[in-house]
Amino acid sequence: MKLSTRILVPVAFAITAAGAFAEGPIYVEPAFQSTLSRAEVQAQAVQARDAGVFALGEGVVIAENTAVGSNTSRAQVRAEAAEALRLGLHNGGEFLVSPTSAQAEQIRSAGLRAVQGKNLAGTPVNSRAN
């Protein structure tokens, strides 16, 4: 009796579990047919390389040698990041956290206070006693 239970129960579970993995029909994409010759594709690649534009990964186009400027000071960025972290708005893993309009205003205000040389209480940074 024990031997039949040891064999039949796992086999029954395996058979019933196999149905849980059944999905719909498998979709096979049709074969891709290019309209360009190999030489034309290679010429386009050389042209893109010479222009400094490359398609990477999921079709993201990145232009090399593109300078990105910012009018935001380092102190302002650090203050805004600290305020966002204080509010629990740091992104970690797969979850993207977006601030509410009130939280965005708090973050912006923290950055402006940093530019004006004031701490969170509104007093000048240099006037604090050590």
N, C-alpha and C. Protein backbone atom coordinates (compact mmCIF):
# COMPACT_ATOMS: atom_id res chain seq x y z
N MET A 1 0.82 -1.20 0.00
CA MET A 1 0.00 0.00 0.00
C MET A 1 0.86 1.25 0.00
N LYS A 2 1.94 1.25 0.82
CA LYS A 2 2.80 2.42 0.86
C LYS A 2 3.51 2.63 -0.46
N LEU A 3 3.93 1.55 -1.08
CA LEU A 3 4.64 1.66 -2.35
C LEU A 3 3.74 2.25 -3.43
N SER A 4 2.51 1.83 -3.50
CA SER A 4 1.60 2.38 -4.51
C SER A 4 1.30 3.84 -4.21
N THR A 5 1.23 4.22 -2.94
CA THR A 5 0.99 5.61 -2.57
C THR A 5 2.20 6.47 -2.92
N ARG A 6 3.38 5.94 -2.70
CA ARG A 6 4.60 6.68 -3.01
C ARG A 6 4.76 6.90 -4.51
N ILE A 7 4.24 6.05 -5.30
CA ILE A 7 4.38 6.17 -6.75
C ILE A 7 3.19 6.88 -7.37
N LEU A 8 1.99 6.49 -7.02
CA LEU A 8 0.80 7.02 -7.67
C LEU A 8 0.51 8.48 -7.34
N VAL A 9 0.72 8.87 -6.10
CA VAL A 9 0.41 10.26 -5.71
C VAL A 9 1.30 11.25 -6.46
N PRO A 10 2.63 11.07 -6.49
CA PRO A 10 3.45 12.01 -7.26
C PRO A 10 3.14 12.01 -8.75
N VAL A 11 2.83 10.85 -9.30
CA VAL A 11 2.50 10.78 -10.72
C VAL A 11 1.19 11.52 -10.99
N ALA A 12 0.23 11.38 -10.10
CA ALA A 12 -1.04 12.09 -10.27
C ALA A 12 -0.84 13.60 -10.19
N PHE A 13 0.00 14.05 -9.25
CA PHE A 13 0.28 15.48 -9.15
C PHE A 13 1.00 15.99 -10.40
N ALA A 14 1.93 15.22 -10.91
CA ALA A 14 2.68 15.63 -12.10
C ALA A 14 1.75 15.75 -13.31
N ILE A 15 0.82 14.84 -13.44
CA ILE A 15 -0.10 14.87 -14.58
C ILE A 15 -1.04 16.06 -14.48
N THR A 16 -1.55 16.33 -13.28
CA THR A 16 -2.47 17.46 -13.14
C THR A 16 -1.74 18.79 -13.23
N ALA A 17 -0.49 18.84 -12.80
CA ALA A 17 0.26 20.09 -12.86
C ALA A 17 0.65 20.43 -14.29
N ALA A 18 0.79 19.45 -15.14
CA ALA A 18 1.18 19.71 -16.53
C ALA A 18 0.14 20.57 -17.24
N GLY A 19 -1.11 20.44 -16.88
CA GLY A 19 -2.16 21.26 -17.49
C GLY A 19 -2.06 22.72 -17.12
N ALA A 20 -1.45 23.00 -15.98
CA ALA A 20 -1.32 24.39 -15.54
C ALA A 20 -0.35 25.16 -16.42
N PHE A 21 0.56 24.47 -17.07
CA PHE A 21 1.54 25.14 -17.92
C PHE A 21 1.06 25.30 -19.35
N ALA A 22 -0.09 24.77 -19.66
CA ALA A 22 -0.59 24.86 -21.03
C ALA A 22 -1.01 26.29 -21.32
N GLU A 23 -0.58 26.78 -22.45
CA GLU A 23 -0.95 28.13 -22.89
C GLU A 23 -1.60 28.01 -24.25
N GLY A 24 -1.83 29.16 -24.83
CA GLY A 24 -2.43 29.18 -26.15
C GLY A 24 -1.41 28.76 -27.20
N PRO A 25 -1.78 28.89 -28.45
CA PRO A 25 -0.86 28.50 -29.51
C PRO A 25 0.39 29.39 -29.50
N ILE A 26 1.50 28.84 -29.91
CA ILE A 26 2.76 29.57 -29.95
C ILE A 26 2.79 30.40 -31.22
N TYR A 27 3.07 31.70 -31.06
CA TYR A 27 3.12 32.62 -32.20
C TYR A 27 4.52 32.63 -32.78
N VAL A 28 4.63 32.40 -34.06
CA VAL A 28 5.91 32.43 -34.75
C VAL A 28 5.87 33.61 -35.71
N GLU A 29 6.81 34.53 -35.54
CA GLU A 29 6.83 35.70 -36.41
C GLU A 29 7.24 35.30 -37.82
N PRO A 30 6.63 35.96 -38.80
CA PRO A 30 7.01 35.64 -40.17
C PRO A 30 8.46 36.05 -40.44
N ALA A 31 9.10 35.42 -41.38
CA ALA A 31 10.49 35.71 -41.71
C ALA A 31 10.61 37.14 -42.21
N PHE A 32 11.66 37.85 -41.77
CA PHE A 32 11.89 39.24 -42.17
C PHE A 32 12.52 39.27 -43.55
N GLN A 33 12.00 40.12 -44.41
CA GLN A 33 12.52 40.27 -45.75
C GLN A 33 12.98 41.71 -45.93
N SER A 34 14.27 41.93 -46.07
CA SER A 34 14.81 43.28 -46.20
C SER A 34 14.63 43.78 -47.62
N THR A 35 14.46 45.09 -47.75
CA THR A 35 14.37 45.70 -49.08
C THR A 35 15.69 46.31 -49.50
N LEU A 36 16.69 46.30 -48.56
CA LEU A 36 18.00 46.88 -48.86
C LEU A 36 19.02 45.77 -49.06
N SER A 37 20.02 46.09 -49.86
CA SER A 37 21.11 45.12 -50.05
C SER A 37 22.08 45.22 -48.88
N ARG A 38 22.95 44.25 -48.76
CA ARG A 38 23.95 44.25 -47.68
C ARG A 38 24.84 45.48 -47.78
N ALA A 39 25.23 45.85 -48.99
CA ALA A 39 26.10 47.01 -49.20
C ALA A 39 25.41 48.31 -48.77
N GLU A 40 24.10 48.41 -49.04
CA GLU A 40 23.36 49.61 -48.65
C GLU A 40 23.28 49.73 -47.12
N VAL A 41 23.06 48.63 -46.45
CA VAL A 41 22.99 48.63 -44.98
C VAL A 41 24.35 49.01 -44.39
N GLN A 42 25.42 48.45 -44.95
CA GLN A 42 26.76 48.79 -44.46
C GLN A 42 27.08 50.26 -44.71
N ALA A 43 26.64 50.80 -45.84
CA ALA A 43 26.87 52.22 -46.13
C ALA A 43 26.13 53.11 -45.13
N GLN A 44 24.91 52.72 -44.77
CA GLN A 44 24.15 53.48 -43.78
C GLN A 44 24.83 53.42 -42.41
N ALA A 45 25.39 52.26 -42.06
CA ALA A 45 26.08 52.12 -40.78
C ALA A 45 27.32 53.01 -40.74
N VAL A 46 28.07 53.06 -41.82
CA VAL A 46 29.25 53.91 -41.88
C VAL A 46 28.85 55.38 -41.78
N GLN A 47 27.79 55.75 -42.46
CA GLN A 47 27.30 57.12 -42.43
C GLN A 47 26.86 57.51 -41.01
N ALA A 48 26.18 56.62 -40.32
CA ALA A 48 25.75 56.90 -38.95
C ALA A 48 26.94 56.99 -38.02
N ARG A 49 27.93 56.11 -38.21
CA ARG A 49 29.14 56.15 -37.38
C ARG A 49 29.88 57.46 -37.58
N ASP A 50 30.00 57.90 -38.83
CA ASP A 50 30.70 59.16 -39.11
C ASP A 50 29.95 60.36 -38.57
N ALA A 51 28.63 60.28 -38.51
CA ALA A 51 27.82 61.37 -37.96
C ALA A 51 27.80 61.36 -36.44
N GLY A 52 28.27 60.25 -35.83
CA GLY A 52 28.31 60.17 -34.37
C GLY A 52 27.00 59.73 -33.76
N VAL A 53 26.14 59.11 -34.56
CA VAL A 53 24.84 58.65 -34.05
C VAL A 53 24.79 57.13 -34.16
N PHE A 54 24.47 56.48 -33.04
CA PHE A 54 24.41 55.02 -33.01
C PHE A 54 23.11 54.59 -32.38
N ALA A 55 22.52 53.51 -32.88
CA ALA A 55 21.34 52.92 -32.26
C ALA A 55 21.83 51.84 -31.31
N LEU A 56 21.47 51.96 -30.04
CA LEU A 56 21.92 51.01 -29.03
C LEU A 56 20.72 50.33 -28.39
N GLY A 57 20.86 49.09 -28.04
CA GLY A 57 19.84 48.38 -27.27
C GLY A 57 18.49 48.36 -27.94
N GLU A 58 17.52 48.93 -27.28
CA GLU A 58 16.13 48.89 -27.74
C GLU A 58 15.81 50.03 -28.71
N GLY A 59 16.75 50.39 -29.55
CA GLY A 59 16.49 51.45 -30.51
C GLY A 59 16.67 52.84 -29.96
N VAL A 60 17.43 52.98 -28.88
CA VAL A 60 17.70 54.29 -28.31
C VAL A 60 18.81 54.92 -29.12
N VAL A 61 18.56 56.10 -29.65
CA VAL A 61 19.56 56.78 -30.45
C VAL A 61 20.30 57.76 -29.56
N ILE A 62 21.62 57.61 -29.51
CA ILE A 62 22.45 58.48 -28.70
C ILE A 62 23.43 59.19 -29.62
N ALA A 63 23.44 60.49 -29.55
CA ALA A 63 24.39 61.26 -30.35
C ALA A 63 25.63 61.50 -29.50
N GLU A 64 26.78 61.12 -30.03
CA GLU A 64 28.03 61.34 -29.32
C GLU A 64 28.41 62.81 -29.40
N ASN A 65 29.25 63.22 -28.49
CA ASN A 65 29.78 64.58 -28.46
C ASN A 65 28.68 65.63 -28.32
N THR A 66 27.61 65.29 -27.65
CA THR A 66 26.54 66.23 -27.42
C THR A 66 26.68 66.77 -26.01
N ALA A 67 26.96 68.04 -25.90
CA ALA A 67 27.14 68.65 -24.59
C ALA A 67 25.77 68.95 -23.98
N VAL A 68 25.63 68.61 -22.72
CA VAL A 68 24.39 68.87 -22.00
C VAL A 68 24.71 69.85 -20.90
N GLY A 69 24.09 71.00 -20.95
CA GLY A 69 24.34 72.02 -19.95
C GLY A 69 23.21 72.07 -18.93
N SER A 70 23.52 72.65 -17.79
CA SER A 70 22.53 72.79 -16.74
C SER A 70 22.74 74.10 -16.02
N ASN A 71 21.67 74.73 -15.64
CA ASN A 71 21.74 75.96 -14.87
C ASN A 71 21.58 75.69 -13.39
N THR A 72 21.53 74.42 -13.00
CA THR A 72 21.32 74.04 -11.62
C THR A 72 22.67 73.80 -10.96
N SER A 73 22.88 74.41 -9.79
CA SER A 73 24.15 74.25 -9.09
C SER A 73 24.21 72.89 -8.41
N ARG A 74 25.42 72.50 -8.06
CA ARG A 74 25.63 71.24 -7.36
C ARG A 74 24.90 71.24 -6.03
N ALA A 75 24.96 72.35 -5.31
CA ALA A 75 24.30 72.45 -4.01
C ALA A 75 22.78 72.27 -4.15
N GLN A 76 22.22 72.85 -5.20
CA GLN A 76 20.78 72.74 -5.41
C GLN A 76 20.39 71.29 -5.73
N VAL A 77 21.17 70.63 -6.56
CA VAL A 77 20.87 69.23 -6.91
C VAL A 77 20.97 68.35 -5.67
N ARG A 78 22.02 68.57 -4.86
CA ARG A 78 22.19 67.77 -3.65
C ARG A 78 21.05 68.00 -2.67
N ALA A 79 20.62 69.26 -2.52
CA ALA A 79 19.52 69.56 -1.60
C ALA A 79 18.21 68.94 -2.08
N GLU A 80 17.96 69.00 -3.39
CA GLU A 80 16.75 68.40 -3.93
C GLU A 80 16.76 66.89 -3.77
N ALA A 81 17.92 66.27 -3.99
CA ALA A 81 18.03 64.81 -3.83
C ALA A 81 17.82 64.42 -2.36
N ALA A 82 18.39 65.20 -1.44
CA ALA A 82 18.22 64.91 -0.01
C ALA A 82 16.76 65.05 0.41
N GLU A 83 16.08 66.05 -0.11
CA GLU A 83 14.67 66.25 0.23
C GLU A 83 13.81 65.13 -0.35
N ALA A 84 14.10 64.72 -1.57
CA ALA A 84 13.35 63.62 -2.17
C ALA A 84 13.57 62.33 -1.39
N LEU A 85 14.79 62.11 -0.94
CA LEU A 85 15.09 60.93 -0.14
C LEU A 85 14.36 61.00 1.20
N ARG A 86 14.34 62.19 1.80
CA ARG A 86 13.63 62.38 3.07
C ARG A 86 12.13 62.10 2.93
N LEU A 87 11.58 62.44 1.77
CA LEU A 87 10.16 62.21 1.52
C LEU A 87 9.87 60.77 1.08
N GLY A 88 10.90 59.95 0.94
CA GLY A 88 10.71 58.56 0.54
C GLY A 88 10.49 58.39 -0.95
N LEU A 89 11.00 59.31 -1.74
CA LEU A 89 10.76 59.28 -3.18
C LEU A 89 11.95 58.76 -3.97
N HIS A 90 12.78 57.94 -3.33
CA HIS A 90 13.91 57.36 -4.07
C HIS A 90 13.42 56.13 -4.82
N ASN A 91 13.87 56.01 -6.05
CA ASN A 91 13.48 54.86 -6.87
C ASN A 91 14.46 53.73 -6.63
N GLY A 92 13.92 52.57 -6.35
CA GLY A 92 14.75 51.40 -6.14
C GLY A 92 14.10 50.20 -6.79
N GLY A 93 14.89 49.42 -7.49
CA GLY A 93 14.34 48.23 -8.12
C GLY A 93 13.47 48.56 -9.30
N GLU A 94 12.35 47.88 -9.39
CA GLU A 94 11.47 48.03 -10.55
C GLU A 94 10.35 49.03 -10.34
N PHE A 95 10.23 49.57 -9.14
CA PHE A 95 9.11 50.46 -8.85
C PHE A 95 9.53 51.90 -9.05
N LEU A 96 8.79 52.62 -9.88
CA LEU A 96 9.05 54.01 -10.16
C LEU A 96 8.12 54.86 -9.30
N VAL A 97 8.71 55.72 -8.47
CA VAL A 97 7.93 56.54 -7.55
C VAL A 97 7.89 57.95 -8.11
N SER A 98 6.69 58.52 -8.23
CA SER A 98 6.54 59.88 -8.71
C SER A 98 6.02 60.75 -7.58
N PRO A 99 6.56 61.96 -7.43
CA PRO A 99 6.10 62.84 -6.36
C PRO A 99 4.75 63.47 -6.69
N THR A 100 4.00 63.77 -5.65
CA THR A 100 2.77 64.54 -5.85
C THR A 100 3.18 65.97 -6.13
N SER A 101 2.23 66.82 -6.50
CA SER A 101 2.57 68.21 -6.79
C SER A 101 3.08 68.91 -5.53
N ALA A 102 2.52 68.58 -4.35
CA ALA A 102 2.99 69.19 -3.10
C ALA A 102 4.41 68.74 -2.79
N GLN A 103 4.72 67.46 -3.02
CA GLN A 103 6.07 66.97 -2.77
C GLN A 103 7.06 67.58 -3.75
N ALA A 104 6.66 67.74 -5.00
CA ALA A 104 7.53 68.35 -6.00
C ALA A 104 7.85 69.79 -5.60
N GLU A 105 6.88 70.48 -5.05
CA GLU A 105 7.11 71.84 -4.59
C GLU A 105 8.06 71.87 -3.40
N GLN A 106 7.93 70.91 -2.48
CA GLN A 106 8.85 70.81 -1.34
C GLN A 106 10.28 70.58 -1.83
N ILE A 107 10.42 69.73 -2.81
CA ILE A 107 11.75 69.43 -3.35
C ILE A 107 12.33 70.67 -4.01
N ARG A 108 11.52 71.36 -4.80
CA ARG A 108 11.98 72.58 -5.47
C ARG A 108 12.38 73.63 -4.46
N SER A 109 11.58 73.78 -3.40
CA SER A 109 11.88 74.77 -2.36
C SER A 109 13.19 74.45 -1.65
N ALA A 110 13.45 73.18 -1.40
CA ALA A 110 14.70 72.78 -0.76
C ALA A 110 15.89 73.17 -1.64
N GLY A 111 15.75 72.99 -2.93
CA GLY A 111 16.82 73.38 -3.85
C GLY A 111 17.03 74.88 -3.87
N LEU A 112 15.95 75.65 -3.84
CA LEU A 112 16.07 77.10 -3.84
C LEU A 112 16.70 77.60 -2.54
N ARG A 113 16.35 76.96 -1.41
CA ARG A 113 16.96 77.34 -0.13
C ARG A 113 18.46 77.09 -0.16
N ALA A 114 18.86 76.02 -0.81
CA ALA A 114 20.29 75.71 -0.90
C ALA A 114 21.02 76.76 -1.72
N VAL A 115 20.39 77.24 -2.78
CA VAL A 115 20.99 78.27 -3.62
C VAL A 115 21.10 79.58 -2.85
N GLN A 116 20.10 79.86 -2.03
CA GLN A 116 20.09 81.11 -1.26
C GLN A 116 20.96 81.02 -0.01
N GLY A 117 21.51 79.85 0.28
CA GLY A 117 22.40 79.69 1.42
C GLY A 117 21.66 79.54 2.73
N LYS A 118 20.48 78.95 2.70
CA LYS A 118 19.70 78.77 3.92
C LYS A 118 19.50 77.29 4.16
N ASN A 119 19.40 76.90 5.43
CA ASN A 119 19.13 75.49 5.74
C ASN A 119 17.63 75.26 5.76
N LEU A 120 17.20 74.11 6.21
CA LEU A 120 15.78 73.76 6.19
C LEU A 120 14.93 74.67 7.08
N ALA A 121 15.53 75.22 8.13
CA ALA A 121 14.77 76.09 9.04
C ALA A 121 14.64 77.49 8.50
N GLY A 122 15.38 77.83 7.44
CA GLY A 122 15.28 79.14 6.86
C GLY A 122 16.33 80.10 7.37
N THR A 123 17.21 79.67 8.25
CA THR A 123 18.27 80.55 8.74
C THR A 123 19.49 80.39 7.84
N PRO A 124 20.28 81.43 7.71
CA PRO A 124 21.48 81.34 6.87
C PRO A 124 22.40 80.23 7.38
N VAL A 125 23.04 79.53 6.46
CA VAL A 125 23.88 78.38 6.80
C VAL A 125 25.08 78.83 7.62
N ASN A 126 25.69 79.96 7.29
CA ASN A 126 26.92 80.40 7.96
C ASN A 126 26.68 80.93 9.36
N SER A 127 25.43 81.25 9.73
CA SER A 127 25.16 81.83 11.04
C SER A 127 24.93 80.79 12.13
N ARG A 128 24.98 79.50 11.78
CA ARG A 128 24.76 78.47 12.79
C ARG A 128 25.95 78.38 13.73
N ALA A 129 25.65 78.13 15.00
CA ALA A 129 26.71 77.96 16.00
C ALA A 129 27.21 76.54 15.95
N ASN A 130 28.51 76.35 16.08
CA ASN A 130 29.07 75.01 16.05
C ASN A 130 29.18 74.42 17.41
